[in-house]
PDB file of N, CA and C in Angstrom:
ATOM      1  N   MET A   1     131.927 156.960  78.322  1.00  0.00           N
ATOM      2  CA  MET A   1     133.200 156.387  77.962  1.00  0.00           C
ATOM      3  C   MET A   1     133.672 155.300  78.546  1.00  0.00           C
ATOM      4  N   ALA A   2     134.678 154.329  77.791  1.00  0.00           N
ATOM      5  CA  ALA A   2     135.367 153.361  78.682  1.00  0.00           C
ATOM      6  C   ALA A   2     136.387 153.891  78.946  1.00  0.00           C
ATOM      7  N   THR A   3     136.842 152.963  80.288  1.00  0.00           N
ATOM      8  CA  THR A   3     138.276 153.172  80.804  1.00  0.00           C
ATOM      9  C   THR A   3     139.047 152.318  79.933  1.00  0.00           C
ATOM     10  N   VAL A   4     140.555 152.974  79.674  1.00  0.00           N
ATOM     11  CA  VAL A   4     141.497 151.887  79.039  1.00  0.00           C
ATOM     12  C   VAL A   4     143.013 151.864  79.748  1.00  0.00           C
ATOM     13  N   SER A   5     143.570 151.065  79.702  1.00  0.00           N
ATOM     14  CA  SER A   5     144.783 150.698  80.080  1.00  0.00           C
ATOM     15  C   SER A   5     145.926 151.323  79.015  1.00  0.00           C
ATOM     16  N   VAL A   6     146.736 152.255  79.495  1.00  0.00           N
ATOM     17  CA  VAL A   6     147.404 153.149  78.169  1.00  0.00           C
ATOM     18  C   VAL A   6     148.831 153.037  78.877  1.00  0.00           C
ATOM     19  N   PRO A   7     149.788 152.426  78.159  1.00  0.00           N
ATOM     20  CA  PRO A   7     151.337 152.667  78.624  1.00  0.00           C
ATOM     21  C   PRO A   7     151.811 154.168  78.496  1.00  0.00           C
ATOM     22  N   PHE A   8     152.545 154.554  79.499  1.00  0.00           N
ATOM     23  CA  PHE A   8     153.191 156.254  79.398  1.00  0.00           C
ATOM     24  C   PHE A   8     154.662 155.769  79.424  1.00  0.00           C
ATOM     25  N   ALA A   9     155.492 156.260  78.286  1.00  0.00           N
ATOM     26  CA  ALA A   9     156.278 156.201  78.228  1.00  0.00           C
ATOM     27  C   ALA A   9     157.387 157.285  78.973  1.00  0.00           C
ATOM     28  N   LEU A  10     158.460 157.094  79.463  1.00  0.00           N
ATOM     29  CA  LEU A  10     158.744 158.178  80.134  1.00  0.00           C
ATOM     30  C   LEU A  10     160.683 158.334  80.117  1.00  0.00           C
ATOM     31  N   PRO A  11     160.834 159.331  79.783  1.00  0.00           N
ATOM     32  CA  PRO A  11     162.787 159.490  79.874  1.00  0.00           C
ATOM     33  C   PRO A  11     163.167 159.172  81.074  1.00  0.00           C
ATOM     34  N   GLY A  12     164.362 158.450  81.030  1.00  0.00           N
ATOM     35  CA  GLY A  12     165.359 158.136  81.920  1.00  0.00           C
ATOM     36  C   GLY A  12     165.409 159.127  83.412  1.00  0.00           C
ATOM     37  N   LEU A  13     165.470 160.014  83.071  1.00  0.00           N
ATOM     38  CA  LEU A  13     165.731 161.185  84.197  1.00  0.00           C
ATOM     39  C   LEU A  13     164.522 161.202  85.125  1.00  0.00           C
ATOM     40  N   LEU A  14     163.257 160.977  84.572  1.00  0.00           N
ATOM     41  CA  LEU A  14     162.405 160.682  85.479  1.00  0.00           C
ATOM     42  C   LEU A  14     162.116 159.412  85.951  1.00  0.00           C
ATOM     43  N   THR A  15     162.329 158.439  86.057  1.00  0.00           N
ATOM     44  CA  THR A  15     162.527 157.205  86.792  1.00  0.00           C
ATOM     45  C   THR A  15     162.496 157.111  88.095  1.00  0.00           C
ATOM     46  N   SER A  16     163.476 158.448  88.514  1.00  0.00           N
ATOM     47  CA  SER A  16     163.536 158.454  90.074  1.00  0.00           C
ATOM     48  C   SER A  16     162.075 158.776  90.625  1.00  0.00           C
ATOM     49  N   CYS A  17     161.400 159.224  89.897  1.00  0.00           N
ATOM     50  CA  CYS A  17     159.549 159.363  90.232  1.00  0.00           C
ATOM     51  C   CYS A  17     158.904 158.266  90.000  1.00  0.00           C
ATOM     52  N   THR A  18     159.185 157.253  89.239  1.00  0.00           N
ATOM     53  CA  THR A  18     158.137 156.216  88.973  1.00  0.00           C
ATOM     54  C   THR A  18     158.852 154.747  89.484  1.00  0.00           C
ATOM     55  N   GLY A  19     159.532 154.776  90.727  1.00  0.00           N
ATOM     56  CA  GLY A  19     160.245 153.548  91.199  1.00  0.00           C
ATOM     57  C   GLY A  19     161.072 152.626  90.019  1.00  0.00           C
ATOM     58  N   GLY A  20     161.871 153.718  89.410  1.00  0.00           N
ATOM     59  CA  GLY A  20     162.592 152.930  88.544  1.00  0.00           C
ATOM     60  C   GLY A  20     162.029 152.765  87.042  1.00  0.00           C
ATOM     61  N   GLU A  21     160.820 152.617  87.069  1.00  0.00           N
ATOM     62  CA  GLU A  21     160.193 152.269  85.591  1.00  0.00           C
ATOM     63  C   GLU A  21     160.179 153.580  84.549  1.00  0.00           C
ATOM     64  N   LYS A  22     160.580 153.060  83.375  1.00  0.00           N
ATOM     65  CA  LYS A  22     160.455 153.614  82.144  1.00  0.00           C
ATOM     66  C   LYS A  22     158.990 153.951  81.420  1.00  0.00           C
ATOM     67  N   VAL A  23     158.341 152.568  81.779  1.00  0.00           N
ATOM     68  CA  VAL A  23     157.095 152.944  81.260  1.00  0.00           C
ATOM     69  C   VAL A  23     156.200 152.179  82.441  1.00  0.00           C
ATOM     70  N   VAL A  24     155.113 153.256  82.453  1.00  0.00           N
ATOM     71  CA  VAL A  24     153.969 153.153  83.516  1.00  0.00           C
ATOM     72  C   VAL A  24     152.698 152.824  82.748  1.00  0.00           C
ATOM     73  N   THR A  25     151.770 152.116  83.668  1.00  0.00           N
ATOM     74  CA  THR A  25     150.573 152.009  82.571  1.00  0.00           C
ATOM     75  C   THR A  25     149.376 152.614  83.663  1.00  0.00           C
ATOM     76  N   VAL A  26     148.870 153.676  82.979  1.00  0.00           N
ATOM     77  CA  VAL A  26     147.515 154.605  83.750  1.00  0.00           C
ATOM     78  C   VAL A  26     146.209 153.589  83.180  1.00  0.00           C
ATOM     79  N   GLU A  27     145.210 154.304  83.880  1.00  0.00           N
ATOM     80  CA  GLU A  27     143.673 153.935  83.694  1.00  0.00           C
ATOM     81  C   GLU A  27     142.929 155.022  83.316  1.00  0.00           C
ATOM     82  N   ALA A  28     142.611 155.394  82.038  1.00  0.00           N
ATOM     83  CA  ALA A  28     141.807 156.737  81.864  1.00  0.00           C
ATOM     84  C   ALA A  28     140.677 156.411  80.885  1.00  0.00           C
ATOM     85  N   ASP A  29     140.095 157.237  80.225  1.00  0.00           N
ATOM     86  CA  ASP A  29     139.108 157.200  79.201  1.00  0.00           C
ATOM     87  C   ASP A  29     139.230 158.618  78.001  1.00  0.00           C
ATOM     88  N   THR A  30     140.014 159.518  78.570  1.00  0.00           N
ATOM     89  CA  THR A  30     140.507 160.389  77.522  1.00  0.00           C
ATOM     90  C   THR A  30     142.093 161.026  77.791  1.00  0.00           C
ATOM     91  N   VAL A  31     142.490 161.459  76.841  1.00  0.00           N
ATOM     92  CA  VAL A  31     143.970 161.712  76.874  1.00  0.00           C
ATOM     93  C   VAL A  31     144.272 162.959  78.040  1.00  0.00           C
ATOM     94  N   ALA A  32     143.244 163.931  78.634  1.00  0.00           N
ATOM     95  CA  ALA A  32     143.419 164.260  79.586  1.00  0.00           C
ATOM     96  C   ALA A  32     143.525 163.871  80.827  1.00  0.00           C
ATOM     97  N   GLY A  33     142.279 162.582  81.000  1.00  0.00           N
ATOM     98  CA  GLY A  33     142.272 161.413  82.300  1.00  0.00           C
ATOM     99  C   GLY A  33     143.556 160.757  81.871  1.00  0.00           C
ATOM    100  N   ALA A  34     144.280 160.807  81.004  1.00  0.00           N
ATOM    101  CA  ALA A  34     145.523 159.996  81.276  1.00  0.00           C
ATOM    102  C   ALA A  34     146.576 161.021  81.963  1.00  0.00           C
ATOM    103  N   ILE A  35     146.641 161.968  81.670  1.00  0.00           N
ATOM    104  CA  ILE A  35     147.761 162.734  82.060  1.00  0.00           C
ATOM    105  C   ILE A  35     147.389 162.867  83.577  1.00  0.00           C
ATOM    106  N   GLU A  36     146.105 163.431  83.921  1.00  0.00           N
ATOM    107  CA  GLU A  36     145.462 163.590  85.175  1.00  0.00           C
ATOM    108  C   GLU A  36     146.358 161.751  86.005  1.00  0.00           C
ATOM    109  N   ALA A  37     145.824 160.993  85.387  1.00  0.00           N
ATOM    110  CA  ALA A  37     146.313 159.352  86.252  1.00  0.00           C
ATOM    111  C   ALA A  37     147.933 159.389  86.576  1.00  0.00           C
ATOM    112  N   LEU A  38     148.452 159.782  85.442  1.00  0.00           N
ATOM    113  CA  LEU A  38     149.831 159.597  85.757  1.00  0.00           C
ATOM    114  C   LEU A  38     150.081 160.739  86.777  1.00  0.00           C
ATOM    115  N   LEU A  39     149.641 161.890  86.807  1.00  0.00           N
ATOM    116  CA  LEU A  39     150.296 162.981  87.903  1.00  0.00           C
ATOM    117  C   LEU A  39     149.612 162.612  89.573  1.00  0.00           C
ATOM    118  N   THR A  40     148.460 161.428  89.829  1.00  0.00           N
ATOM    119  CA  THR A  40     147.805 161.415  90.643  1.00  0.00           C
ATOM    120  C   THR A  40     148.848 159.783  91.087  1.00  0.00           C
ATOM    121  N   ALA A  41     149.099 159.019  89.994  1.00  0.00           N
ATOM    122  CA  ALA A  41     149.878 157.692  90.652  1.00  0.00           C
ATOM    123  C   ALA A  41     151.371 158.320  91.134  1.00  0.00           C
ATOM    124  N   PHE A  42     151.623 158.997  90.324  1.00  0.00           N
ATOM    125  CA  PHE A  42     153.078 159.542  90.496  1.00  0.00           C
ATOM    126  C   PHE A  42     153.271 161.375  90.892  1.00  0.00           C
ATOM    127  N   PRO A  43     152.848 161.416  91.874  1.00  0.00           N
ATOM    128  CA  PRO A  43     153.007 163.293  92.168  1.00  0.00           C
ATOM    129  C   PRO A  43     154.225 163.807  91.976  1.00  0.00           C
ATOM    130  N   LEU A  44     155.401 163.393  92.250  1.00  0.00           N
ATOM    131  CA  LEU A  44     156.563 163.676  92.026  1.00  0.00           C
ATOM    132  C   LEU A  44     156.835 164.137  90.546  1.00  0.00           C
ATOM    133  N   LEU A  45     156.206 163.676  89.810  1.00  0.00           N
ATOM    134  CA  LEU A  45     156.524 164.192  88.335  1.00  0.00           C
ATOM    135  C   LEU A  45     156.269 165.443  87.801  1.00  0.00           C
ATOM    136  N   LYS A  46     155.195 166.134  88.809  1.00  0.00           N
ATOM    137  CA  LYS A  46     154.432 167.558  88.512  1.00  0.00           C
ATOM    138  C   LYS A  46     155.238 168.650  88.738  1.00  0.00           C
ATOM    139  N   VAL A  47     156.307 168.572  89.450  1.00  0.00           N
ATOM    140  CA  VAL A  47     157.153 169.406  89.538  1.00  0.00           C
ATOM    141  C   VAL A  47     158.487 169.291  88.858  1.00  0.00           C
ATOM    142  N   HIS A  48     158.635 168.243  88.127  1.00  0.00           N
ATOM    143  CA  HIS A  48     159.482 168.166  86.639  1.00  0.00           C
ATOM    144  C   HIS A  48     158.662 168.266  85.314  1.00  0.00           C
ATOM    145  N   LEU A  49     157.749 168.307  85.407  1.00  0.00           N
ATOM    146  CA  LEU A  49     156.641 168.723  84.283  1.00  0.00           C
ATOM    147  C   LEU A  49     156.145 169.717  84.233  1.00  0.00           C
ATOM    148  N   TYR A  50     155.949 170.800  85.174  1.00  0.00           N
ATOM    149  CA  TYR A  50     154.486 171.782  85.461  1.00  0.00           C
ATOM    150  C   TYR A  50     155.731 173.087  86.080  1.00  0.00           C
ATOM    151  N   GLU A  51     155.548 174.259  85.770  1.00  0.00           N
ATOM    152  CA  GLU A  51     156.006 175.303  86.613  1.00  0.00           C
ATOM    153  C   GLU A  51     154.927 175.619  87.459  1.00  0.00           C
ATOM    154  N   GLU A  52     155.285 176.682  88.595  1.00  0.00           N
ATOM    155  CA  GLU A  52     154.774 176.794  89.746  1.00  0.00           C
ATOM    156  C   GLU A  52     153.652 177.095  89.039  1.00  0.00           C
ATOM    157  N   GLY A  53     153.001 178.208  88.659  1.00  0.00           N
ATOM    158  CA  GLY A  53     151.754 178.990  87.975  1.00  0.00           C
ATOM    159  C   GLY A  53     151.005 177.365  87.255  1.00  0.00           C
ATOM    160  N   GLY A  54     151.324 176.514  87.173  1.00  0.00           N
ATOM    161  CA  GLY A  54     150.451 175.467  86.608  1.00  0.00           C
ATOM    162  C   GLY A  54     150.972 174.889  85.321  1.00  0.00           C
ATOM    163  N   SER A  55     151.702 175.994  84.245  1.00  0.00           N
ATOM    164  CA  SER A  55     151.867 175.652  82.670  1.00  0.00           C
ATOM    165  C   SER A  55     152.776 174.594  82.713  1.00  0.00           C
ATOM    166  N   LEU A  56     152.414 173.838  81.694  1.00  0.00           N
ATOM    167  CA  LEU A  56     153.461 172.920  81.342  1.00  0.00           C
ATOM    168  C   LEU A  56     154.810 173.687  80.916  1.00  0.00           C
ATOM    169  N   ARG A  57     156.425 172.863  81.593  1.00  0.00           N
ATOM    170  CA  ARG A  57     157.532 173.806  81.677  1.00  0.00           C
ATOM    171  C   ARG A  57     157.530 173.941  79.759  1.00  0.00           C
ATOM    172  N   PRO A  58     158.634 174.917  79.482  1.00  0.00           N
ATOM    173  CA  PRO A  58     158.528 175.043  77.920  1.00  0.00           C
ATOM    174  C   PRO A  58     159.219 173.843  77.106  1.00  0.00           C
ATOM    175  N   LEU A  59     159.827 172.962  77.853  1.00  0.00           N
ATOM    176  CA  LEU A  59     160.981 172.018  77.433  1.00  0.00           C
ATOM    177  C   LEU A  59     160.155 170.495  77.532  1.00  0.00           C
ATOM    178  N   VAL A  60     159.132 170.497  78.214  1.00  0.00           N
ATOM    179  CA  VAL A  60     158.522 169.133  78.247  1.00  0.00           C
ATOM    180  C   VAL A  60     157.372 168.917  76.829  1.00  0.00           C
ATOM    181  N   MET A  61     157.303 167.828  76.721  1.00  0.00           N
ATOM    182  CA  MET A  61     156.076 167.619  75.805  1.00  0.00           C
ATOM    183  C   MET A  61     155.284 166.332  75.828  1.00  0.00           C
ATOM    184  N   PHE A  62     154.282 166.370  75.920  1.00  0.00           N
ATOM    185  CA  PHE A  62     153.528 165.177  76.331  1.00  0.00           C
ATOM    186  C   PHE A  62     152.982 164.766  74.420  1.00  0.00           C
ATOM    187  N   LEU A  63     153.343 163.333  74.500  1.00  0.00           N
ATOM    188  CA  LEU A  63     152.699 162.996  72.874  1.00  0.00           C
ATOM    189  C   LEU A  63     151.544 162.042  73.023  1.00  0.00           C
ATOM    190  N   TYR A  64     150.745 161.922  72.508  1.00  0.00           N
ATOM    191  CA  TYR A  64     149.458 161.194  72.271  1.00  0.00           C
ATOM    192  C   TYR A  64     149.706 160.310  70.974  1.00  0.00           C
ATOM    193  N   ASN A  65     149.978 159.109  70.703  1.00  0.00           N
ATOM    194  CA  ASN A  65     150.370 158.351  69.788  1.00  0.00           C
ATOM    195  C   ASN A  65     151.552 158.890  68.921  1.00  0.00           C
ATOM    196  N   ASP A  66     152.567 159.305  69.658  1.00  0.00           N
ATOM    197  CA  ASP A  66     153.754 159.929  68.575  1.00  0.00           C
ATOM    198  C   ASP A  66     153.316 161.399  68.099  1.00  0.00           C
ATOM    199  N   LYS A  67     152.009 162.067  68.946  1.00  0.00           N
ATOM    200  CA  LYS A  67     151.847 163.403  68.083  1.00  0.00           C
ATOM    201  C   LYS A  67     151.564 164.485  69.364  1.00  0.00           C
ATOM    202  N   SER A  68     152.329 165.558  69.543  1.00  0.00           N
ATOM    203  CA  SER A  68     152.286 166.646  70.313  1.00  0.00           C
ATOM    204  C   SER A  68     150.885 166.497  70.737  1.00  0.00           C
ATOM    205  N   ILE A  69     150.514 166.832  72.197  1.00  0.00           N
ATOM    206  CA  ILE A  69     149.521 166.939  72.491  1.00  0.00           C
ATOM    207  C   ILE A  69     149.024 168.499  72.169  1.00  0.00           C
ATOM    208  N   LYS A  70     149.812 169.837  71.898  1.00  0.00           N
ATOM    209  CA  LYS A  70     149.965 170.878  71.497  1.00  0.00           C
ATOM    210  C   LYS A  70     149.088 171.104  70.208  1.00  0.00           C
ATOM    211  N   TRP A  71     149.287 170.303  69.248  1.00  0.00           N
ATOM    212  CA  TRP A  71     148.767 169.788  67.927  1.00  0.00           C
ATOM    213  C   TRP A  71     146.746 169.297  68.140  1.00  0.00           C
ATOM    214  N   LEU A  72     146.589 168.742  69.268  1.00  0.00           N
ATOM    215  CA  LEU A  72     145.265 168.310  69.218  1.00  0.00           C
ATOM    216  C   LEU A  72     144.025 169.203  69.466  1.00  0.00           C
ATOM    217  N   PRO A  73     143.391 168.931  69.028  1.00  0.00           N
ATOM    218  CA  PRO A  73     141.939 170.079  69.143  1.00  0.00           C
ATOM    219  C   PRO A  73     141.596 170.082  70.411  1.00  0.00           C
ATOM    220  N   THR A  74     141.361 169.081  71.334  1.00  0.00           N
ATOM    221  CA  THR A  74     141.201 168.965  72.269  1.00  0.00           C
ATOM    222  C   THR A  74     141.753 167.987  73.241  1.00  0.00           C
ATOM    223  N   LEU A  75     141.906 167.798  74.601  1.00  0.00           N
ATOM    224  CA  LEU A  75     142.385 166.454  75.100  1.00  0.00           C
ATOM    225  C   LEU A  75     141.461 165.703  75.610  1.00  0.00           C
ATOM    226  N   ASP A  76     139.940 165.793  75.465  1.00  0.00           N
ATOM    227  CA  ASP A  76     139.168 165.594  75.843  1.00  0.00           C
ATOM    228  C   ASP A  76     138.662 163.884  74.570  1.00  0.00           C
ATOM    229  N   ILE A  77     139.886 163.702  73.824  1.00  0.00           N
ATOM    230  CA  ILE A  77     139.742 162.497  72.870  1.00  0.00           C
ATOM    231  C   ILE A  77     139.484 161.235  73.734  1.00  0.00           C
ATOM    232  N   PRO A  78     138.936 160.640  73.346  1.00  0.00           N
ATOM    233  CA  PRO A  78     138.421 159.010  73.851  1.00  0.00           C
ATOM    234  C   PRO A  78     140.002 158.312  73.797  1.00  0.00           C
ATOM    235  N   LEU A  79     140.189 157.619  74.645  1.00  0.00           N
ATOM    236  CA  LEU A  79     141.446 156.754  74.175  1.00  0.00           C
ATOM    237  C   LEU A  79     140.600 155.275  73.938  1.00  0.00           C
ATOM    238  N   GLN A  80     141.468 154.625  73.164  1.00  0.00           N
ATOM    239  CA  GLN A  80     141.271 153.439  72.487  1.00  0.00           C
ATOM    240  C   GLN A  80     142.447 151.990  72.785  1.00  0.00           C
ATOM    241  N   ARG A  81     142.154 151.106  72.870  1.00  0.00           N
ATOM    242  CA  ARG A  81     142.717 149.831  73.178  1.00  0.00           C
ATOM    243  C   ARG A  81     144.001 150.007  72.223  1.00  0.00           C
ATOM    244  N   GLY A  82     145.232 150.050  72.530  1.00  0.00           N
ATOM    245  CA  GLY A  82     146.258 150.308  71.663  1.00  0.00           C
ATOM    246  C   GLY A  82     147.028 151.511  71.373  1.00  0.00           C
ATOM    247  N   ASP A  83     146.616 152.710  72.076  1.00  0.00           N
ATOM    248  CA  ASP A  83     146.784 154.033  71.989  1.00  0.00           C
ATOM    249  C   ASP A  83     148.118 154.147  73.141  1.00  0.00           C
ATOM    250  N   GLN A  84     149.106 155.065  72.747  1.00  0.00           N
ATOM    251  CA  GLN A  84     150.137 154.959  73.783  1.00  0.00           C
ATOM    252  C   GLN A  84     150.577 156.683  74.218  1.00  0.00           C
ATOM    253  N   MET A  85     151.023 156.907  75.184  1.00  0.00           N
ATOM    254  CA  MET A  85     151.176 158.307  75.769  1.00  0.00           C
ATOM    255  C   MET A  85     152.643 158.234  75.822  1.00  0.00           C
ATOM    256  N   SER A  86     153.422 159.418  76.002  1.00  0.00           N
ATOM    257  CA  SER A  86     154.788 159.338  76.253  1.00  0.00           C
ATOM    258  C   SER A  86     155.232 160.996  76.713  1.00  0.00           C
ATOM    259  N   VAL A  87     156.211 161.205  77.634  1.00  0.00           N
ATOM    260  CA  VAL A  87     156.740 162.744  78.083  1.00  0.00           C
ATOM    261  C   VAL A  87     158.088 162.484  77.334  1.00  0.00           C
ATOM    262  N   LEU A  88     158.206 163.678  76.682  1.00  0.00           N
ATOM    263  CA  LEU A  88     159.731 164.097  76.245  1.00  0.00           C
ATOM    264  C   LEU A  88     160.096 165.614  76.909  1.00  0.00           C
ATOM    265  N   GLN A  89     161.796 165.156  77.363  1.00  0.00           N
ATOM    266  CA  GLN A  89     161.917 166.531  77.919  1.00  0.00           C
ATOM    267  C   GLN A  89     162.981 166.472  77.094  1.00  0.00           C
ATOM    268  N   LEU A  90     162.869 167.763  76.394  1.00  0.00           N
ATOM    269  CA  LEU A  90     163.622 168.507  75.472  1.00  0.00           C
ATOM    270  C   LEU A  90     165.059 168.773  76.010  1.00  0.00           C
ATOM    271  N   VAL A  91     166.338 169.239  75.195  1.00  0.00           N
ATOM    272  CA  VAL A  91     167.446 169.832  75.912  1.00  0.00           C
ATOM    273  C   VAL A  91     167.925 170.818  74.935  1.00  0.00           C
ATOM    274  N   SER A  92     167.783 171.794  75.829  1.00  0.00           N
ATOM    275  CA  SER A  92     168.701 173.117  75.143  1.00  0.00           C
ATOM    276  C   SER A  92     169.827 173.291  75.630  1.00  0.00           C
ATOM    277  N   GLY A  93     170.803 174.541  75.348  1.00  0.00           N
ATOM    278  CA  GLY A  93     171.995 174.693  75.550  1.00  0.00           C
ATOM    279  C   GLY A  93     172.935 175.390  74.553  1.00  0.00           C
ATOM    280  N   GLY A  94     173.826 175.747  74.847  1.00  0.00           N
ATOM    281  CA  GLY A  94     174.483 176.062  73.876  1.00  0.00           C
ATOM    282  C   GLY A  94     176.125 176.024  73.958  1.00  0.00           C
TER     283      GLY A  94
END
């Protein structure tokens, strides 16, 4: 598989972990690889996105081309030029 540059959009609350950048670019060949590349480039994000046990926090969503990765059959989907990734932090409260 070929490595592709993929923009990763992040909410403003996480920009303290990315040097103020709301969109960062990662190099990867799959959706799983893009997430791994994001966390490798910006390791402080892991605390905000994952619980101590390694599972994704309940109010965090990764999107691949505006589709939640929860609904993908696998994260080994090859990336193509033009693909986009995003992180959403959902808000709850009462």
